[in-house]
Every structure is written in structure tokens, then in C-alpha cells.
Amino acid sequence: MPAMIEIDRIFRESRASPPSERTLPWEETCDGITVVVEPKPHWAEDMRVFHLEKREYCRYTDWAANGGHARFYGHIDTSGDDVMMRARAMIAREIADGLWDRALRRVENLQGVSWGLSARWVWQSRPDRRHFFPELRTIRA
């Protein structure tokens, strides 16, 4: 078992999936504007894109179609940096609580198959209502 689980590795593994299947926020840059894309909750119509440094957001479809010319709306308390910091803090707490170690131990107890771990997050409107659901996916060696 790995001695240490890296937060950056968890973000890289989430980023390897297509945007509609990603489970953690990620950064994108277009026309000199950097944003953070928040994964879509199951109940939402579209993903939200937050300006990295400003408290502004837009819909992902608008961002994907228009890039830096997308229409951003003011947000009372959230910027892209806030979204990333909350996600990283949440993963750090879960690592400290041993949730990732236990999931990896279950994976290593399985024999004959090489497994990879991906985190499934349900992103809701408030960060304190986000829940962690481990999901195992097979990676054939």
C-alpha cells in the first residue's frame, strides 16, 4: 500500500475523465481568463464555471462555446479559488480521517485484477453538504 496518498494525484485521476464524468473541480484557461469548473450535480442542468479570482460565474455550455467572451454573473460569496480550496481541504480531511487508506486497502485485498480508485463526488449547492462515495473502476493491466 502506498505510504502517502497525494491530493494532486487524486485531482489528476479525476481530470483524466471526460468533463461530464469528472468528480472534482478543475481549471481551464481561454482568451487569457482562467476559470474553475465545478462538476455537475445529478440534479443540475449544467456545470458552473467560476472566474478564478473574481466572484463571478457562468454556465459551462456558455464557457465552452464562447470562452473568454462568455457572460459572467456576480456571485455573492464564491470565486474559482474558493471552489478549489474547499475541494482540496475536503480531500485532505478525508485522507486524515483514513477514508482513502481504507478504500485502498479494500482494493489491495482483491486478487487477480489491477484496480484504480476514483472518487465520486456529489456536488451540491453548499460545500458542507457534499458527500463522498468511493467508486472502484477496473483498469486492465
Protein backbone atom coordinates (compact mmCIF):
# COMPACT_ATOMS: atom_id res chain seq x y z
CA MET A 1 0.00 0.00 0.00
CA PRO A 2 1.34 3.46 -0.77
CA ALA A 3 2.63 5.21 2.33
CA MET A 4 1.07 8.50 1.33
CA ILE A 5 -1.85 9.49 -0.84
CA GLU A 6 -1.28 12.70 -2.76
CA ILE A 7 -4.09 15.19 -3.20
CA ASP A 8 -2.68 16.23 -6.59
CA ARG A 9 -2.81 12.60 -7.77
CA ILE A 10 -6.50 12.40 -6.85
CA PHE A 11 -7.17 15.58 -8.87
CA ARG A 12 -5.14 14.21 -11.84
CA GLU A 13 -7.14 10.97 -11.86
CA SER A 14 -10.42 12.89 -11.84
CA ARG A 15 -9.15 15.12 -14.67
CA ALA A 16 -8.41 12.03 -16.82
CA SER A 17 -12.18 11.51 -17.26
CA PRO A 18 -14.29 13.43 -19.79
CA PRO A 19 -15.66 16.73 -18.38
CA SER A 20 -19.20 15.37 -17.88
CA GLU A 21 -17.83 12.49 -15.76
CA ARG A 22 -15.29 14.38 -13.66
CA THR A 23 -15.80 14.32 -9.94
CA LEU A 24 -13.64 17.22 -8.76
CA PRO A 25 -13.27 20.84 -9.91
CA TRP A 26 -10.61 21.69 -12.50
CA GLU A 27 -9.05 24.78 -14.04
CA GLU A 28 -9.39 25.87 -17.66
CA THR A 29 -7.94 28.90 -19.46
CA CYS A 30 -9.27 30.57 -22.60
CA ASP A 31 -8.62 34.04 -24.05
CA GLY A 32 -6.40 34.86 -21.08
CA ILE A 33 -9.13 34.13 -18.50
CA THR A 34 -8.66 31.30 -16.02
CA VAL A 35 -11.72 29.68 -14.50
CA VAL A 36 -12.56 26.75 -12.26
CA VAL A 37 -15.22 24.35 -13.50
CA GLU A 38 -17.39 22.80 -10.79
CA PRO A 39 -18.62 19.26 -11.61
CA LYS A 40 -22.33 18.93 -12.32
CA PRO A 41 -24.57 17.65 -9.54
CA HIS A 42 -27.03 14.97 -10.62
CA TRP A 43 -29.93 17.43 -10.34
CA ALA A 44 -28.34 20.34 -12.20
CA GLU A 45 -28.92 21.26 -15.81
CA ASP A 46 -25.30 22.29 -16.48
CA MET A 47 -21.94 22.72 -14.76
CA ARG A 48 -20.95 26.10 -13.37
CA VAL A 49 -17.74 27.92 -14.21
CA PHE A 50 -16.27 30.33 -11.64
CA HIS A 51 -13.78 33.05 -12.52
CA LEU A 52 -10.55 32.13 -10.70
CA GLU A 53 -10.06 35.44 -8.91
CA LYS A 54 -13.42 37.21 -9.13
CA ARG A 55 -16.72 36.28 -7.52
CA GLU A 56 -18.37 35.61 -10.87
CA TYR A 57 -19.76 32.53 -12.60
CA CYS A 58 -21.35 31.37 -15.84
CA ARG A 59 -22.71 28.14 -17.31
CA TYR A 60 -20.26 25.64 -18.75
CA THR A 61 -22.05 25.49 -22.11
CA ASP A 62 -21.60 29.26 -22.47
CA TRP A 63 -17.92 29.00 -21.46
CA ALA A 64 -17.29 26.09 -23.87
CA ALA A 65 -18.94 27.96 -26.76
CA ASN A 66 -17.67 31.49 -26.13
CA GLY A 67 -14.56 31.15 -23.96
CA GLY A 68 -13.46 34.48 -22.54
CA HIS A 69 -16.49 36.18 -24.11
CA ALA A 70 -18.96 34.16 -22.02
CA ARG A 71 -21.36 36.18 -19.89
CA PHE A 72 -20.37 36.05 -16.23
CA TYR A 73 -22.75 36.89 -13.39
CA GLY A 74 -21.83 38.14 -9.94
CA HIS A 75 -21.81 35.60 -7.12
CA ILE A 76 -22.22 36.71 -3.54
CA ASP A 77 -19.50 34.58 -1.93
CA THR A 78 -17.72 32.19 -4.31
CA SER A 79 -14.79 32.52 -6.69
CA GLY A 80 -12.96 29.74 -8.53
CA ASP A 81 -10.18 29.87 -5.97
CA ASP A 82 -12.75 29.26 -3.21
CA VAL A 83 -14.11 26.21 -5.06
CA MET A 84 -10.63 24.69 -5.44
CA MET A 85 -9.61 25.41 -1.85
CA ARG A 86 -12.78 23.80 -0.46
CA ALA A 87 -12.30 20.69 -2.59
CA ARG A 88 -8.64 20.33 -1.59
CA ALA A 89 -9.49 20.85 2.10
CA MET A 90 -12.24 18.23 1.89
CA ILE A 91 -9.89 15.65 0.38
CA ALA A 92 -7.21 16.47 2.97
CA ARG A 93 -9.75 15.88 5.77
CA GLU A 94 -10.80 12.56 4.23
CA ILE A 95 -7.17 11.47 3.91
CA ALA A 96 -6.53 12.48 7.54
CA ASP A 97 -9.63 10.52 8.63
CA GLY A 98 -8.28 7.43 6.86
CA LEU A 99 -11.11 7.15 4.32
CA TRP A 100 -8.75 6.87 1.36
CA ASP A 101 -6.47 4.36 3.15
CA ARG A 102 -9.40 2.07 3.91
CA ALA A 103 -10.61 2.23 0.31
CA LEU A 104 -7.11 1.42 -0.98
CA ARG A 105 -6.79 -1.48 1.49
CA ARG A 106 -10.04 -2.98 0.17
CA VAL A 107 -8.67 -2.66 -3.35
CA GLU A 108 -5.38 -4.34 -2.48
CA ASN A 109 -7.17 -7.28 -0.85
CA LEU A 110 -8.71 -8.17 -4.21
CA GLN A 111 -6.55 -10.58 -6.17
CA GLY A 112 -6.10 -11.22 -9.88
CA VAL A 113 -7.23 -7.79 -11.05
CA SER A 114 -5.46 -4.46 -11.13
CA TRP A 115 -7.74 -1.76 -9.73
CA GLY A 116 -7.69 2.02 -9.79
CA LEU A 117 -9.56 4.31 -7.44
CA SER A 118 -11.66 7.24 -8.50
CA ALA A 119 -13.60 9.49 -6.15
CA ARG A 120 -17.27 10.07 -6.88
CA TRP A 121 -18.46 13.37 -5.50
CA VAL A 122 -21.97 14.65 -5.38
CA TRP A 123 -21.57 18.41 -5.63
CA GLN A 124 -24.49 20.26 -4.14
CA SER A 125 -25.11 23.93 -3.72
CA ARG A 126 -23.38 24.18 -0.33
CA PRO A 127 -19.88 22.83 0.37
CA ASP A 128 -20.91 21.44 3.76
CA ARG A 129 -23.44 19.20 2.03
CA ARG A 130 -21.01 17.47 -0.29
CA HIS A 131 -20.70 13.74 0.24
CA PHE A 132 -18.03 11.23 -0.66
CA PHE A 133 -18.89 7.97 -2.40
CA PRO A 134 -15.98 5.67 -3.26
CA GLU A 135 -16.25 4.03 -6.62
CA LEU A 136 -13.92 1.35 -7.93
CA ARG A 137 -13.21 1.02 -11.61
CA THR A 138 -11.30 -1.78 -13.25
CA ILE A 139 -8.10 -0.99 -15.10
CA ARG A 140 -6.88 -3.95 -17.11
CA ALA A 141 -3.14 -4.44 -16.93
